[in-house]
């Protein structure tokens, strides 16, 4: 049995793209100014959480520092970027959310000094990260669509808990019904803040003729409220499950914007005849 922390894969693979356009009929285009936090050198300093503001980024610029950071992330574009800093000690874990903007927006989190920044996390919509003592974090928010220069950026920052802690058990007795479907069950435990809790695994049985019967299972839409029961029906890929011993390799995962924790277990299950 083991618990391990996973990076959020979606943040590391790059940013999704989208298209947003706005046309106002019968009115002259509204003029916008270059935002005061257009560059990392003029970044807005966030001293308290939660923090929220809406910024017009249609006149915000993109510069060489944007390109240098994007070389570490791989977004389709970094149009209309604006900057913020979050000093160390503001919170142990933080989520930056730009999902309510009127264009598809992305976020990059970096450490270091302007002109020599290193990306530690990036992604579309919302990005979470854990902080370290003594570190200042630079946050760049931008339009990730090449044809969209920017728009009304909805920028929020809030404190978050760490990735939820999870564990699970598998009952040592299950059933195999007349059609060859097995049912196994157990309990799972999730403590903390979770956006997703899932349980999955496989059941394998070696039968009298040395045939290997195997099937996968998954339980979704689980809640993170302490300890609860779970149950899953397992249909074999080929063949059928019968009364007797079987083995299951199962895991449960709990994730939030900060990351995921995964708990794995290998157990022997005795299948009894069921209806």
C-alpha atoms as a PDB file:
ATOM      1  CA  UNK A   1       0.000   0.000   0.000  1.00  0.00           C
ATOM      2  CA  UNK A   2       1.337   3.445  -0.808  1.00  0.00           C
ATOM      3  CA  UNK A   3       0.354   7.054  -1.097  1.00  0.00           C
ATOM      4  CA  UNK A   4       1.987   9.189  -3.764  1.00  0.00           C
ATOM      5  CA  UNK A   5       1.419  12.706  -5.033  1.00  0.00           C
ATOM      6  CA  UNK A   6       0.840  13.291  -8.739  1.00  0.00           C
ATOM      7  CA  UNK A   7       1.291  16.513 -10.691  1.00  0.00           C
ATOM      8  CA  UNK A   8      -1.823  17.680 -12.475  1.00  0.00           C
ATOM      9  CA  UNK A   9      -1.151  16.269 -15.910  1.00  0.00           C
ATOM     10  CA  UNK A  10      -3.455  18.689 -17.665  1.00  0.00           C
ATOM     11  CA  UNK A  11      -1.401  21.679 -16.455  1.00  0.00           C
ATOM     12  CA  UNK A  12       1.851  20.205 -17.751  1.00  0.00           C
ATOM     13  CA  UNK A  13       0.633  19.271 -21.216  1.00  0.00           C
ATOM     14  CA  UNK A  14      -0.175  22.868 -22.204  1.00  0.00           C
ATOM     15  CA  UNK A  15      -3.189  25.109 -22.560  1.00  0.00           C
ATOM     16  CA  UNK A  16      -6.428  24.520 -24.430  1.00  0.00           C
ATOM     17  CA  UNK A  17      -7.393  26.959 -27.149  1.00  0.00           C
ATOM     18  CA  UNK A  18     -10.647  28.695 -27.842  1.00  0.00           C
ATOM     19  CA  UNK A  19     -12.177  31.542 -29.846  1.00  0.00           C
ATOM     20  CA  UNK A  20     -14.047  34.528 -28.459  1.00  0.00           C
ATOM     21  CA  UNK A  21     -15.325  37.518 -30.428  1.00  0.00           C
ATOM     22  CA  UNK A  22     -17.508  40.425 -29.451  1.00  0.00           C
ATOM     23  CA  UNK A  23     -19.346  42.832 -31.761  1.00  0.00           C
ATOM     24  CA  UNK A  24     -21.237  45.858 -30.508  1.00  0.00           C
ATOM     25  CA  UNK A  25     -23.714  47.212 -33.058  1.00  0.00           C
ATOM     26  CA  UNK A  26     -24.721  50.846 -33.210  1.00  0.00           C
ATOM     27  CA  UNK A  27     -21.957  52.099 -30.888  1.00  0.00           C
ATOM     28  CA  UNK A  28     -18.420  53.319 -31.309  1.00  0.00           C
ATOM     29  CA  UNK A  29     -15.676  51.035 -29.949  1.00  0.00           C
ATOM     30  CA  UNK A  30     -14.809  51.803 -26.351  1.00  0.00           C
ATOM     31  CA  UNK A  31     -11.280  53.030 -25.830  1.00  0.00           C
ATOM     32  CA  UNK A  32      -9.062  51.184 -23.374  1.00  0.00           C
ATOM     33  CA  UNK A  33      -5.779  52.032 -21.741  1.00  0.00           C
ATOM     34  CA  UNK A  34      -2.692  49.928 -21.269  1.00  0.00           C
ATOM     35  CA  UNK A  35      -3.146  48.307 -17.835  1.00  0.00           C
ATOM     36  CA  UNK A  36      -0.825  49.545 -15.097  1.00  0.00           C
ATOM     37  CA  UNK A  37       0.396  45.952 -14.533  1.00  0.00           C
ATOM     38  CA  UNK A  38       1.249  45.347 -18.193  1.00  0.00           C
ATOM     39  CA  UNK A  39       4.775  44.076 -17.406  1.00  0.00           C
ATOM     40  CA  UNK A  40       6.420  42.055 -14.664  1.00  0.00           C
ATOM     41  CA  UNK A  41       8.239  45.177 -13.465  1.00  0.00           C
ATOM     42  CA  UNK A  42       4.887  46.871 -12.737  1.00  0.00           C
ATOM     43  CA  UNK A  43       3.093  43.785 -11.396  1.00  0.00           C
ATOM     44  CA  UNK A  44       0.194  44.334  -9.011  1.00  0.00           C
ATOM     45  CA  UNK A  45       1.218  43.147  -5.546  1.00  0.00           C
ATOM     46  CA  UNK A  46      -1.369  40.930  -3.851  1.00  0.00           C
ATOM     47  CA  UNK A  47      -1.032  41.182  -0.074  1.00  0.00           C
ATOM     48  CA  UNK A  48      -4.312  39.664   1.128  1.00  0.00           C
ATOM     49  CA  UNK A  49      -6.501  36.762   0.040  1.00  0.00           C
ATOM     50  CA  UNK A  50      -9.038  36.403  -1.372  1.00  0.00           C
ATOM     51  CA  UNK A  51      -8.249  38.876  -4.148  1.00  0.00           C
ATOM     52  CA  UNK A  52     -10.464  39.659  -7.138  1.00  0.00           C
ATOM     53  CA  UNK A  53     -10.623  42.230  -9.894  1.00  0.00           C
ATOM     54  CA  UNK A  54     -11.768  42.684 -13.495  1.00  0.00           C
ATOM     55  CA  UNK A  55      -9.246  44.273 -15.869  1.00  0.00           C
ATOM     56  CA  UNK A  56      -9.658  45.394 -19.482  1.00  0.00           C
ATOM     57  CA  UNK A  57      -6.666  43.784 -21.235  1.00  0.00           C
ATOM     58  CA  UNK A  58      -7.487  44.717 -24.834  1.00  0.00           C
ATOM     59  CA  UNK A  59      -4.577  47.202 -24.882  1.00  0.00           C
ATOM     60  CA  UNK A  60      -2.175  45.071 -22.833  1.00  0.00           C
ATOM     61  CA  UNK A  61       1.022  44.107 -24.634  1.00  0.00           C
ATOM     62  CA  UNK A  62       3.095  40.984 -25.134  1.00  0.00           C
ATOM     63  CA  UNK A  63       6.877  41.145 -24.844  1.00  0.00           C
ATOM     64  CA  UNK A  64      10.028  39.033 -24.848  1.00  0.00           C
ATOM     65  CA  UNK A  65       9.509  37.966 -21.252  1.00  0.00           C
ATOM     66  CA  UNK A  66       6.123  36.502 -22.193  1.00  0.00           C
ATOM     67  CA  UNK A  67       7.785  34.543 -24.984  1.00  0.00           C
ATOM     68  CA  UNK A  68      10.546  33.315 -22.673  1.00  0.00           C
ATOM     69  CA  UNK A  69       8.015  31.999 -20.167  1.00  0.00           C
ATOM     70  CA  UNK A  70       5.871  30.454 -22.877  1.00  0.00           C
ATOM     71  CA  UNK A  71       8.886  28.524 -24.135  1.00  0.00           C
ATOM     72  CA  UNK A  72       8.596  26.653 -20.827  1.00  0.00           C
ATOM     73  CA  UNK A  73       4.821  26.189 -21.066  1.00  0.00           C
ATOM     74  CA  UNK A  74       3.683  25.969 -24.688  1.00  0.00           C
ATOM     75  CA  UNK A  75       0.472  28.007 -24.792  1.00  0.00           C
ATOM     76  CA  UNK A  76      -0.943  28.797 -28.261  1.00  0.00           C
ATOM     77  CA  UNK A  77      -0.574  32.518 -27.464  1.00  0.00           C
ATOM     78  CA  UNK A  78       0.159  34.937 -24.613  1.00  0.00           C
ATOM     79  CA  UNK A  79      -1.812  37.921 -25.884  1.00  0.00           C
ATOM     80  CA  UNK A  80      -2.721  40.867 -23.666  1.00  0.00           C
ATOM     81  CA  UNK A  81      -0.743  39.696 -20.673  1.00  0.00           C
ATOM     82  CA  UNK A  82      -0.931  41.334 -17.247  1.00  0.00           C
ATOM     83  CA  UNK A  83       1.105  40.586 -14.130  1.00  0.00           C
ATOM     84  CA  UNK A  84       0.682  40.068 -10.402  1.00  0.00           C
ATOM     85  CA  UNK A  85       2.943  39.016  -7.538  1.00  0.00           C
ATOM     86  CA  UNK A  86       2.057  36.961  -4.480  1.00  0.00           C
ATOM     87  CA  UNK A  87       4.613  37.343  -1.674  1.00  0.00           C
ATOM     88  CA  UNK A  88       5.697  34.366   0.430  1.00  0.00           C
ATOM     89  CA  UNK A  89       3.581  33.729   3.490  1.00  0.00           C
ATOM     90  CA  UNK A  90       0.317  34.879   1.901  1.00  0.00           C
ATOM     91  CA  UNK A  91      -1.002  31.295   2.041  1.00  0.00           C
ATOM     92  CA  UNK A  92       0.480  27.766   1.981  1.00  0.00           C
ATOM     93  CA  UNK A  93      -1.424  26.880  -1.207  1.00  0.00           C
ATOM     94  CA  UNK A  94      -3.038  29.187  -3.748  1.00  0.00           C
ATOM     95  CA  UNK A  95      -5.434  28.926  -6.697  1.00  0.00           C
ATOM     96  CA  UNK A  96      -5.485  31.541  -9.480  1.00  0.00           C
ATOM     97  CA  UNK A  97      -8.752  31.489 -11.465  1.00  0.00           C
ATOM     98  CA  UNK A  98      -9.405  33.334 -14.757  1.00  0.00           C
ATOM     99  CA  UNK A  99     -12.233  31.084 -15.979  1.00  0.00           C
ATOM    100  CA  UNK A 100     -14.919  33.778 -15.708  1.00  0.00           C
ATOM    101  CA  UNK A 101     -13.177  36.081 -18.223  1.00  0.00           C
ATOM    102  CA  UNK A 102     -15.046  36.916 -21.448  1.00  0.00           C
ATOM    103  CA  UNK A 103     -12.280  35.239 -23.483  1.00  0.00           C
ATOM    104  CA  UNK A 104     -10.351  32.013 -23.054  1.00  0.00           C
ATOM    105  CA  UNK A 105      -7.588  32.848 -20.623  1.00  0.00           C
ATOM    106  CA  UNK A 106      -4.512  31.127 -19.273  1.00  0.00           C
ATOM    107  CA  UNK A 107      -2.220  31.524 -16.286  1.00  0.00           C
ATOM    108  CA  UNK A 108       1.502  31.041 -15.735  1.00  0.00           C
ATOM    109  CA  UNK A 109       3.105  30.924 -12.290  1.00  0.00           C
ATOM    110  CA  UNK A 110       6.824  31.687 -12.103  1.00  0.00           C
ATOM    111  CA  UNK A 111       9.591  32.278  -9.582  1.00  0.00           C
ATOM    112  CA  UNK A 112      12.838  34.188  -9.823  1.00  0.00           C
ATOM    113  CA  UNK A 113      13.326  37.798 -10.859  1.00  0.00           C
ATOM    114  CA  UNK A 114      11.939  39.703 -13.871  1.00  0.00           C
ATOM    115  CA  UNK A 115      14.053  38.862 -16.889  1.00  0.00           C
ATOM    116  CA  UNK A 116      15.013  35.508 -15.378  1.00  0.00           C
ATOM    117  CA  UNK A 117      11.793  33.777 -14.386  1.00  0.00           C
ATOM    118  CA  UNK A 118      11.115  30.030 -14.288  1.00  0.00           C
ATOM    119  CA  UNK A 119       7.628  28.575 -14.753  1.00  0.00           C
ATOM    120  CA  UNK A 120       6.465  26.253 -11.968  1.00  0.00           C
ATOM    121  CA  UNK A 121       2.861  25.796 -13.160  1.00  0.00           C
ATOM    122  CA  UNK A 122       0.700  26.849 -16.102  1.00  0.00           C
ATOM    123  CA  UNK A 123      -2.696  26.047 -17.533  1.00  0.00           C
ATOM    124  CA  UNK A 124      -6.043  27.333 -18.747  1.00  0.00           C
ATOM    125  CA  UNK A 125      -8.840  28.629 -16.527  1.00  0.00           C
ATOM    126  CA  UNK A 126      -7.428  27.847 -13.059  1.00  0.00           C
ATOM    127  CA  UNK A 127      -3.993  26.903 -11.744  1.00  0.00           C
ATOM    128  CA  UNK A 128      -3.043  25.915  -8.213  1.00  0.00           C
ATOM    129  CA  UNK A 129       0.352  25.770  -6.542  1.00  0.00           C
ATOM    130  CA  UNK A 130       1.927  25.270  -3.133  1.00  0.00           C
ATOM    131  CA  UNK A 131       4.126  28.051  -1.786  1.00  0.00           C
ATOM    132  CA  UNK A 132       7.522  27.924  -0.102  1.00  0.00           C
ATOM    133  CA  UNK A 133       8.808  30.230   2.647  1.00  0.00           C
ATOM    134  CA  UNK A 134      10.785  33.199   1.363  1.00  0.00           C
ATOM    135  CA  UNK A 135       9.585  32.870  -2.256  1.00  0.00           C
ATOM    136  CA  UNK A 136       7.759  35.498  -4.298  1.00  0.00           C
ATOM    137  CA  UNK A 137       5.521  34.207  -7.078  1.00  0.00           C
ATOM    138  CA  UNK A 138       4.943  36.048 -10.363  1.00  0.00           C
ATOM    139  CA  UNK A 139       1.565  35.418 -11.984  1.00  0.00           C
ATOM    140  CA  UNK A 140       0.937  36.186 -15.660  1.00  0.00           C
ATOM    141  CA  UNK A 141      -2.642  36.084 -16.979  1.00  0.00           C
ATOM    142  CA  UNK A 142      -3.284  36.288 -20.730  1.00  0.00           C
ATOM    143  CA  UNK A 143      -5.431  35.400 -23.728  1.00  0.00           C
ATOM    144  CA  UNK A 144      -4.357  31.999 -25.046  1.00  0.00           C
ATOM    145  CA  UNK A 145      -6.141  32.412 -28.400  1.00  0.00           C
ATOM    146  CA  UNK A 146      -3.924  33.811 -31.203  1.00  0.00           C
ATOM    147  CA  UNK A 147      -6.714  35.897 -32.773  1.00  0.00           C
ATOM    148  CA  UNK A 148      -7.978  37.405 -29.495  1.00  0.00           C
ATOM    149  CA  UNK A 149      -5.879  40.246 -28.045  1.00  0.00           C
ATOM    150  CA  UNK A 150      -7.634  40.233 -24.680  1.00  0.00           C
ATOM    151  CA  UNK A 151     -10.850  41.475 -23.138  1.00  0.00           C
ATOM    152  CA  UNK A 152     -12.441  41.633 -19.725  1.00  0.00           C
ATOM    153  CA  UNK A 153     -10.125  39.547 -17.568  1.00  0.00           C
ATOM    154  CA  UNK A 154     -11.784  38.205 -14.425  1.00  0.00           C
ATOM    155  CA  UNK A 155      -8.859  37.513 -12.114  1.00  0.00           C
ATOM    156  CA  UNK A 156      -9.285  35.899  -8.698  1.00  0.00           C
ATOM    157  CA  UNK A 157      -6.819  34.438  -6.228  1.00  0.00           C
ATOM    158  CA  UNK A 158      -7.806  32.373  -3.200  1.00  0.00           C
ATOM    159  CA  UNK A 159      -6.216  30.201  -0.596  1.00  0.00           C
ATOM    160  CA  UNK A 160      -6.561  26.447  -1.083  1.00  0.00           C
ATOM    161  CA  UNK A 161      -5.953  23.379   0.974  1.00  0.00           C
ATOM    162  CA  UNK A 162      -3.352  20.825  -0.125  1.00  0.00           C
ATOM    163  CA  UNK A 163      -4.285  17.835  -2.281  1.00  0.00           C
ATOM    164  CA  UNK A 164      -6.793  15.685  -0.366  1.00  0.00           C
ATOM    165  CA  UNK A 165      -5.591  12.613   1.509  1.00  0.00           C
ATOM    166  CA  UNK A 166      -7.182   9.345   0.397  1.00  0.00           C
ATOM    167  CA  UNK A 167      -7.127   5.655   1.283  1.00  0.00           C
ATOM    168  CA  UNK A 168      -9.326   2.615   0.662  1.00  0.00           C
ATOM    169  CA  UNK A 169     -10.116  -0.944   1.705  1.00  0.00           C
ATOM    170  CA  UNK A 170     -11.419  -3.929  -0.262  1.00  0.00           C
ATOM    171  CA  UNK A 171     -13.710  -6.423   1.456  1.00  0.00           C
ATOM    172  CA  UNK A 172     -12.289  -9.969   1.433  1.00  0.00           C
ATOM    173  CA  UNK A 173     -15.602 -11.453   0.244  1.00  0.00           C
ATOM    174  CA  UNK A 174     -17.415 -10.656  -3.003  1.00  0.00           C
ATOM    175  CA  UNK A 175     -19.931 -12.403  -5.251  1.00  0.00           C
ATOM    176  CA  UNK A 176     -20.047 -13.918  -8.739  1.00  0.00           C
ATOM    177  CA  UNK A 177     -23.564 -14.139 -10.161  1.00  0.00           C
ATOM    178  CA  UNK A 178     -25.007 -16.691 -12.579  1.00  0.00           C
ATOM    179  CA  UNK A 179     -24.049 -14.555 -15.607  1.00  0.00           C
ATOM    180  CA  UNK A 180     -20.419 -14.386 -14.504  1.00  0.00           C
ATOM    181  CA  UNK A 181     -20.350 -10.788 -13.276  1.00  0.00           C
ATOM    182  CA  UNK A 182     -18.491 -10.178 -10.039  1.00  0.00           C
ATOM    183  CA  UNK A 183     -19.374  -7.634  -7.378  1.00  0.00           C
ATOM    184  CA  UNK A 184     -16.725  -6.353  -5.000  1.00  0.00           C
ATOM    185  CA  UNK A 185     -16.922  -3.659  -2.353  1.00  0.00           C
ATOM    186  CA  UNK A 186     -15.140  -1.880   0.462  1.00  0.00           C
ATOM    187  CA  UNK A 187     -14.659   1.556   1.954  1.00  0.00           C
ATOM    188  CA  UNK A 188     -12.779   4.671   0.880  1.00  0.00           C
ATOM    189  CA  UNK A 189     -11.621   7.658   2.906  1.00  0.00           C
ATOM    190  CA  UNK A 190     -11.073  11.190   1.629  1.00  0.00           C
ATOM    191  CA  UNK A 191     -10.060  14.113   3.837  1.00  0.00           C
ATOM    192  CA  UNK A 192      -9.591  17.680   2.587  1.00  0.00           C
ATOM    193  CA  UNK A 193     -10.788  19.774  -0.362  1.00  0.00           C
ATOM    194  CA  UNK A 194     -11.374  17.748  -3.531  1.00  0.00           C
ATOM    195  CA  UNK A 195     -12.619  18.636  -7.002  1.00  0.00           C
ATOM    196  CA  UNK A 196     -12.485  14.981  -8.054  1.00  0.00           C
ATOM    197  CA  UNK A 197     -12.517  11.658  -6.209  1.00  0.00           C
ATOM    198  CA  UNK A 198     -12.395   8.433  -8.229  1.00  0.00           C
ATOM    199  CA  UNK A 199     -11.845   4.755  -7.488  1.00  0.00           C
ATOM    200  CA  UNK A 200     -10.758   2.221 -10.103  1.00  0.00           C
ATOM    201  CA  UNK A 201      -8.938  -1.054 -10.572  1.00  0.00           C
ATOM    202  CA  UNK A 202      -9.006  -4.546 -12.005  1.00  0.00           C
ATOM    203  CA  UNK A 203     -10.115  -7.988 -10.824  1.00  0.00           C
ATOM    204  CA  UNK A 204      -8.309 -11.112 -11.992  1.00  0.00           C
ATOM    205  CA  UNK A 205      -9.090 -14.783 -11.418  1.00  0.00           C
ATOM    206  CA  UNK A 206      -7.111 -17.867 -12.372  1.00  0.00           C
ATOM    207  CA  UNK A 207      -9.559 -20.681 -12.960  1.00  0.00           C
ATOM    208  CA  UNK A 208      -9.237 -24.463 -12.862  1.00  0.00           C
ATOM    209  CA  UNK A 209      -8.274 -24.772 -16.543  1.00  0.00           C
ATOM    210  CA  UNK A 210      -5.540 -22.127 -15.980  1.00  0.00           C
ATOM    211  CA  UNK A 211      -7.615 -19.583 -17.862  1.00  0.00           C
ATOM    212  CA  UNK A 212      -7.051 -16.002 -16.717  1.00  0.00           C
ATOM    213  CA  UNK A 213     -10.272 -14.033 -16.394  1.00  0.00           C
ATOM    214  CA  UNK A 214      -9.900 -10.289 -15.950  1.00  0.00           C
ATOM    215  CA  UNK A 215     -12.091  -7.195 -15.854  1.00  0.00           C
ATOM    216  CA  UNK A 216     -11.789  -3.510 -14.979  1.00  0.00           C
ATOM    217  CA  UNK A 217     -14.008  -1.318 -12.817  1.00  0.00           C
ATOM    218  CA  UNK A 218     -14.388   2.360 -11.995  1.00  0.00           C
ATOM    219  CA  UNK A 219     -16.467   4.266  -9.442  1.00  0.00           C
ATOM    220  CA  UNK A 220     -16.878   8.022 -10.030  1.00  0.00           C
ATOM    221  CA  UNK A 221     -18.760  10.941  -8.487  1.00  0.00           C
ATOM    222  CA  UNK A 222     -17.431  10.125  -5.032  1.00  0.00           C
ATOM    223  CA  UNK A 223     -17.452  12.781  -2.320  1.00  0.00           C
ATOM    224  CA  UNK A 224     -14.685  13.890   0.025  1.00  0.00           C
ATOM    225  CA  UNK A 225     -16.498  13.634   3.355  1.00  0.00           C
ATOM    226  CA  UNK A 226     -14.522  11.170   5.427  1.00  0.00           C
ATOM    227  CA  UNK A 227     -15.159   7.429   5.122  1.00  0.00           C
ATOM    228  CA  UNK A 228     -17.903   5.891   2.968  1.00  0.00           C
ATOM    229  CA  UNK A 229     -18.783   2.584   1.303  1.00  0.00           C
ATOM    230  CA  UNK A 230     -18.144   1.743  -2.340  1.00  0.00           C
ATOM    231  CA  UNK A 231     -19.268  -1.126  -4.564  1.00  0.00           C
ATOM    232  CA  UNK A 232     -18.502  -2.071  -8.161  1.00  0.00           C
ATOM    233  CA  UNK A 233     -19.698  -4.656 -10.669  1.00  0.00           C
ATOM    234  CA  UNK A 234     -16.908  -6.194 -12.728  1.00  0.00           C
ATOM    235  CA  UNK A 235     -17.546  -7.783 -16.109  1.00  0.00           C
ATOM    236  CA  UNK A 236     -14.747  -9.917 -17.547  1.00  0.00           C
ATOM    237  CA  UNK A 237     -13.099  -8.934 -20.820  1.00  0.00           C
ATOM    238  CA  UNK A 238     -13.492 -12.581 -21.871  1.00  0.00           C
ATOM    239  CA  UNK A 239     -14.870 -15.554 -19.965  1.00  0.00           C
ATOM    240  CA  UNK A 240     -16.816 -15.238 -16.729  1.00  0.00           C
ATOM    241  CA  UNK A 241     -16.014 -14.921 -13.047  1.00  0.00           C
ATOM    242  CA  UNK A 242     -16.896 -17.940 -10.923  1.00  0.00           C
ATOM    243  CA  UNK A 243     -16.964 -18.842  -7.253  1.00  0.00           C
ATOM    244  CA  UNK A 244     -13.435 -18.943  -5.835  1.00  0.00           C
ATOM    245  CA  UNK A 245     -10.420 -16.789  -5.118  1.00  0.00           C
ATOM    246  CA  UNK A 246      -9.578 -13.694  -7.149  1.00  0.00           C
ATOM    247  CA  UNK A 247      -7.180 -10.766  -6.793  1.00  0.00           C
ATOM    248  CA  UNK A 248      -7.832  -7.059  -7.200  1.00  0.00           C
ATOM    249  CA  UNK A 249      -5.407  -4.213  -7.795  1.00  0.00           C
ATOM    250  CA  UNK A 250      -7.326  -1.056  -6.931  1.00  0.00           C
ATOM    251  CA  UNK A 251      -6.627   2.602  -6.328  1.00  0.00           C
ATOM    252  CA  UNK A 252      -8.444   5.723  -5.263  1.00  0.00           C
ATOM    253  CA  UNK A 253      -7.408   9.239  -6.249  1.00  0.00           C
ATOM    254  CA  UNK A 254      -8.386  12.600  -4.812  1.00  0.00           C
ATOM    255  CA  UNK A 255      -7.542  15.783  -6.725  1.00  0.00           C
ATOM    256  CA  UNK A 256      -7.928  19.528  -6.431  1.00  0.00           C
ATOM    257  CA  UNK A 257      -6.265  22.490  -8.137  1.00  0.00           C
ATOM    258  CA  UNK A 258      -3.084  21.899  -6.136  1.00  0.00           C
ATOM    259  CA  UNK A 259      -2.616  18.284  -7.203  1.00  0.00           C
ATOM    260  CA  UNK A 260      -3.628  14.673  -6.601  1.00  0.00           C
ATOM    261  CA  UNK A 261      -2.972  11.990  -4.021  1.00  0.00           C
ATOM    262  CA  UNK A 262      -3.330   8.332  -4.988  1.00  0.00           C
ATOM    263  CA  UNK A 263      -3.652   5.276  -2.766  1.00  0.00           C
ATOM    264  CA  UNK A 264      -3.122   1.777  -4.212  1.00  0.00           C
ATOM    265  CA  UNK A 265      -3.836  -1.620  -2.712  1.00  0.00           C
ATOM    266  CA  UNK A 266      -3.519  -5.260  -3.819  1.00  0.00           C
ATOM    267  CA  UNK A 267      -6.003  -7.608  -2.131  1.00  0.00           C
ATOM    268  CA  UNK A 268      -7.290 -11.173  -2.385  1.00  0.00           C
ATOM    269  CA  UNK A 269     -11.064 -11.533  -2.655  1.00  0.00           C
ATOM    270  CA  UNK A 270     -13.073 -14.744  -2.216  1.00  0.00           C
ATOM    271  CA  UNK A 271     -16.012 -14.732  -4.637  1.00  0.00           C
ATOM    272  CA  UNK A 272     -19.120 -16.510  -3.437  1.00  0.00           C
ATOM    273  CA  UNK A 273     -22.048 -17.606  -5.597  1.00  0.00           C
ATOM    274  CA  UNK A 274     -24.573 -14.812  -5.969  1.00  0.00           C
ATOM    275  CA  UNK A 275     -28.020 -14.486  -7.455  1.00  0.00           C
END
